[in-house]
Amino acid sequence: MTAAKLGLSDGNYYDAVILRGYTDSSGGNENALLFSKNSSSVYHSQYAFGSTTTWGTMYKFLDSGNYSSYALPLSGGTMTGNISWNADSHGIYLYRGCRIEKYEGYGPTLISEGNNTDFYIRNNTDRTKYYKIIHAGNYSEYALKINGTNGTADGVSTLLNKLTIGTATPVDADYYICQWAGGGTTTTYYHRRPMYAMYAYIKSKAASDFLPLSGGTLGSTSRTATELNI
């Protein structure tokens, strides 16, 4: 039987084994196994019961000699087409050191090395540079948490020193950063407090150390402003 008659284009001749397991078309189609007389190619096809001209699609059997033309071997290989998937239910799963790389080295490479959860982007213009992808499991190594629990004194000092320097005299409605009043070493929260609160604090401390303009007592002796030549 010629390849042309079977709808094949390899130019070979084939032996055919026809399987007809029922006596009429109610049992379904007939099956045919086709063996090339010039190579190891084997095909399966179906055709309508009793037909001698209408062959169905030829399905080639894969074996150790031809499978790499249709599927990637376990040792790896090159795909010439694109991969697409339904993002709602499927994905690409990587196992131990696998990588997704754009063909011929152009563009970045996504790499996973060893038994860990980290992925890296490699710069293919300088293949010695790797950049770790930051995710929920490792971000605290590189970024300050929202609650600040992984911050350091050096880090806070560096951030504060990034502020611009102001030279204008503050007014009562301006704010400064200060600890919770009366917090001591236990309530170590910080918030904004108006400048007039600082003035009130200084005035309360000075009341026992300075003589007011209206007069007062120096030591145990009362003195007036006139006596002090003020």
Protein backbone atom coordinates (compact mmCIF):
# COMPACT_ATOMS: atom_id res chain seq x y z
CA MET A 1 0.00 0.00 0.00
CA THR A 2 1.48 3.37 -0.99
CA ALA A 3 1.92 6.38 1.28
CA ALA A 4 -0.09 8.51 -1.14
CA LYS A 5 -3.10 6.23 -0.80
CA LEU A 6 -2.88 6.56 2.98
CA GLY A 7 -2.64 10.32 2.83
CA LEU A 8 1.05 10.31 3.84
CA SER A 9 3.79 12.17 2.03
CA ASP A 10 6.94 10.19 2.92
CA GLY A 11 6.89 8.19 -0.33
CA ASN A 12 7.16 4.81 1.45
CA TYR A 13 5.20 1.62 1.04
CA TYR A 14 3.22 0.18 3.98
CA ASP A 15 1.94 -3.15 5.24
CA ALA A 16 -1.51 -2.91 6.80
CA VAL A 17 -3.25 -4.95 9.49
CA ILE A 18 -7.02 -4.36 9.31
CA LEU A 19 -9.05 -5.02 12.47
CA ARG A 20 -12.79 -5.48 12.07
CA GLY A 21 -14.30 -6.73 15.32
CA TYR A 22 -17.96 -6.65 14.26
CA THR A 23 -20.02 -7.61 11.27
CA ASP A 24 -21.49 -4.22 10.36
CA SER A 25 -21.17 -0.47 10.98
CA SER A 26 -23.17 -0.63 14.23
CA GLY A 27 -19.97 -1.83 15.88
CA GLY A 28 -18.12 1.37 14.95
CA ASN A 29 -15.21 2.04 12.63
CA GLU A 30 -12.54 -0.32 11.41
CA ASN A 31 -9.00 0.02 12.78
CA ALA A 32 -5.81 -0.24 10.80
CA LEU A 33 -2.20 -0.57 11.92
CA LEU A 34 0.22 0.53 9.21
CA PHE A 35 3.89 -0.49 9.14
CA SER A 36 6.38 1.27 6.88
CA LYS A 37 8.36 -1.05 4.61
CA ASN A 38 11.23 1.46 4.45
CA SER A 39 11.61 2.61 8.07
CA SER A 40 10.45 1.84 11.62
CA SER A 41 7.42 4.17 11.35
CA VAL A 42 4.10 2.75 12.59
CA TYR A 43 0.70 4.46 12.27
CA HIS A 44 -2.81 3.90 13.56
CA SER A 45 -5.89 5.00 11.65
CA GLN A 46 -9.64 4.41 11.58
CA TYR A 47 -11.99 4.48 8.65
CA ALA A 48 -15.68 3.88 8.10
CA PHE A 49 -16.81 0.26 8.18
CA GLY A 50 -16.44 -1.31 4.74
CA SER A 51 -14.69 1.72 3.22
CA THR A 52 -11.66 1.17 1.03
CA THR A 53 -10.85 4.76 0.13
CA THR A 54 -11.66 7.11 3.03
CA TRP A 55 -8.87 6.87 5.59
CA GLY A 56 -9.00 8.79 8.82
CA THR A 57 -6.17 10.81 10.41
CA MET A 58 -2.89 8.91 10.63
CA TYR A 59 -1.47 8.87 14.16
CA LYS A 60 2.23 8.05 14.30
CA PHE A 61 3.51 5.82 17.10
CA LEU A 62 6.34 7.38 19.10
CA ASP A 63 9.36 5.29 19.98
CA SER A 64 12.93 5.77 21.17
CA GLY A 65 14.01 6.67 17.66
CA ASN A 66 11.52 9.42 16.82
CA TYR A 67 9.98 10.82 20.01
CA SER A 68 12.44 13.74 20.26
CA SER A 69 10.83 15.22 17.12
CA TYR A 70 7.56 15.57 19.06
CA ALA A 71 8.47 15.88 22.77
CA LEU A 72 11.40 17.14 24.86
CA PRO A 73 13.65 14.37 26.22
CA LEU A 74 14.33 14.21 29.96
CA SER A 75 17.87 15.40 29.30
CA GLY A 76 16.49 18.69 27.95
CA GLY A 77 16.27 20.27 24.53
CA THR A 78 15.03 23.25 22.55
CA MET A 79 11.44 24.19 21.83
CA THR A 80 10.78 26.22 18.70
CA GLY A 81 7.19 27.19 19.55
CA ASN A 82 5.54 29.17 22.33
CA ILE A 83 3.99 27.88 25.56
CA SER A 84 0.62 29.27 26.64
CA TRP A 85 -1.70 28.30 29.47
CA ASN A 86 -4.88 29.33 31.23
CA ALA A 87 -3.69 31.62 34.00
CA ASP A 88 -6.82 30.90 36.08
CA SER A 89 -6.07 27.22 36.60
CA HIS A 90 -2.64 26.28 35.26
CA GLY A 91 0.96 27.31 35.58
CA ILE A 92 4.56 26.40 34.86
CA TYR A 93 6.04 24.27 37.65
CA LEU A 94 9.81 24.28 38.17
CA TYR A 95 11.73 21.51 39.94
CA ARG A 96 15.21 21.82 41.44
CA GLY A 97 17.29 24.27 39.56
CA CYS A 98 15.09 24.58 36.47
CA ARG A 99 14.97 27.88 34.68
CA ILE A 100 12.80 29.81 32.23
CA GLU A 101 15.05 31.50 29.71
CA LYS A 102 14.33 33.49 26.59
CA TYR A 103 15.70 31.77 23.50
CA GLU A 104 19.23 32.67 22.32
CA GLY A 105 20.07 34.58 25.49
CA TYR A 106 18.11 37.77 24.81
CA GLY A 107 16.20 39.31 27.69
CA PRO A 108 16.32 38.29 31.37
CA THR A 109 16.39 34.74 32.74
CA LEU A 110 14.19 33.53 35.63
CA ILE A 111 16.18 31.05 37.72
CA SER A 112 15.46 28.84 40.74
CA GLU A 113 18.52 27.22 42.29
CA GLY A 114 18.35 24.21 44.61
CA ASN A 115 15.71 23.33 47.20
CA ASN A 116 14.65 26.81 48.23
CA THR A 117 11.84 29.25 47.58
CA ASP A 118 13.99 32.00 46.08
CA PHE A 119 13.96 33.02 42.45
CA TYR A 120 16.52 35.18 40.69
CA ILE A 121 16.55 37.36 37.60
CA ARG A 122 19.80 37.11 35.65
CA ASN A 123 20.90 39.99 33.47
CA ASN A 124 21.78 38.39 30.15
CA THR A 125 23.88 41.36 29.06
CA ASP A 126 26.12 40.59 32.05
CA ARG A 127 25.49 36.96 32.97
CA THR A 128 27.43 37.27 36.26
CA LYS A 129 24.74 39.50 37.80
CA TYR A 130 21.81 37.91 39.63
CA TYR A 131 18.95 39.80 41.30
CA LYS A 132 16.82 38.06 43.91
CA ILE A 133 13.06 38.46 43.54
CA ILE A 134 11.55 39.89 46.74
CA HIS A 135 8.43 38.15 48.03
CA ALA A 136 6.48 37.65 51.28
CA GLY A 137 9.01 35.12 52.56
CA ASN A 138 12.19 37.18 52.22
CA TYR A 139 11.25 40.87 51.91
CA SER A 140 12.25 41.65 55.51
CA GLU A 141 15.88 40.98 54.54
CA TYR A 142 15.76 44.02 52.26
CA ALA A 143 12.85 46.26 53.28
CA LEU A 144 11.41 47.76 56.46
CA LYS A 145 8.24 46.01 57.66
CA ILE A 146 5.11 48.12 58.01
CA ASN A 147 5.21 47.66 61.80
CA GLY A 148 8.92 48.52 61.88
CA THR A 149 9.89 45.44 63.90
CA ASN A 150 12.92 44.68 61.75
CA GLY A 151 14.26 48.24 61.86
CA THR A 152 17.58 49.20 63.46
CA ALA A 153 18.83 52.33 65.25
CA ASP A 154 21.32 52.89 62.44
CA GLY A 155 18.54 52.54 59.88
CA VAL A 156 16.26 55.02 61.65
CA SER A 157 19.12 57.49 62.07
CA THR A 158 19.93 57.20 58.37
CA LEU A 159 16.30 57.88 57.45
CA LEU A 160 16.03 60.90 59.75
CA ASN A 161 19.25 62.32 58.33
CA LYS A 162 17.65 62.23 54.89
CA LEU A 163 15.30 65.05 55.96
CA THR A 164 16.06 68.54 54.74
CA ILE A 165 17.52 71.09 57.19
CA GLY A 166 15.28 73.98 58.25
CA THR A 167 16.64 77.16 59.85
CA ALA A 168 13.45 79.16 60.50
CA THR A 169 12.36 79.73 64.13
CA PRO A 170 9.42 77.44 64.95
CA VAL A 171 6.05 78.79 66.14
CA ASP A 172 3.59 77.43 68.68
CA ALA A 173 1.58 75.49 66.07
CA ASP A 174 4.64 73.63 64.70
CA TYR A 175 5.37 70.06 65.82
CA TYR A 176 8.34 68.03 66.91
CA ILE A 177 8.68 64.26 67.41
CA CYS A 178 8.54 63.22 71.03
CA GLN A 179 7.93 60.15 73.18
CA TRP A 180 4.61 59.47 74.82
CA ALA A 181 4.41 61.77 77.87
CA GLY A 182 5.38 59.85 80.99
CA GLY A 183 6.27 56.77 78.95
CA GLY A 184 9.78 56.35 80.28
CA THR A 185 11.22 52.96 79.37
CA THR A 186 7.84 51.19 79.18
CA THR A 187 5.61 53.18 76.81
CA THR A 188 8.09 53.77 74.01
CA TYR A 189 5.68 55.16 71.43
CA TYR A 190 6.42 58.35 69.57
CA HIS A 191 4.13 60.99 68.13
CA ARG A 192 3.99 64.67 67.18
CA ARG A 193 3.73 67.27 69.92
CA PRO A 194 3.23 71.06 69.41
CA MET A 195 6.05 73.45 70.26
CA TYR A 196 3.97 75.23 72.91
CA ALA A 197 4.00 71.98 74.91
CA MET A 198 7.80 72.17 75.02
CA TYR A 199 7.57 75.79 76.15
CA ALA A 200 5.18 74.79 78.93
CA TYR A 201 7.66 72.10 80.04
CA ILE A 202 10.59 74.55 80.10
CA LYS A 203 8.54 77.13 82.00
CA SER A 204 7.52 74.55 84.60
CA LYS A 205 11.15 73.58 85.19
CA ALA A 206 12.32 77.22 85.31
CA ALA A 207 9.73 78.32 87.89
CA SER A 208 11.80 76.89 90.73
CA ASP A 209 15.16 78.07 89.41
CA PHE A 210 14.56 81.63 88.14
CA LEU A 211 13.14 84.84 89.69
CA PRO A 212 10.11 86.20 87.77
CA LEU A 213 10.08 89.85 86.62
CA SER A 214 7.30 90.60 89.09
CA GLY A 215 9.63 89.77 91.97
CA GLY A 216 9.97 86.86 94.31
CA THR A 217 12.22 85.28 96.90
CA LEU A 218 15.96 84.79 96.52
CA GLY A 219 17.02 82.20 99.04
CA SER A 220 15.06 83.07 102.16
CA THR A 221 14.81 86.89 101.55
CA SER A 222 12.08 88.58 99.56
CA ARG A 223 13.24 91.16 96.98
CA THR A 224 11.32 93.53 94.70
CA ALA A 225 12.20 94.49 91.13
CA THR A 226 13.19 98.02 92.33
CA GLU A 227 15.60 96.64 94.87
CA LEU A 228 17.20 94.53 92.17
CA ASN A 229 17.49 97.65 89.93
CA ILE A 230 15.42 96.02 87.19
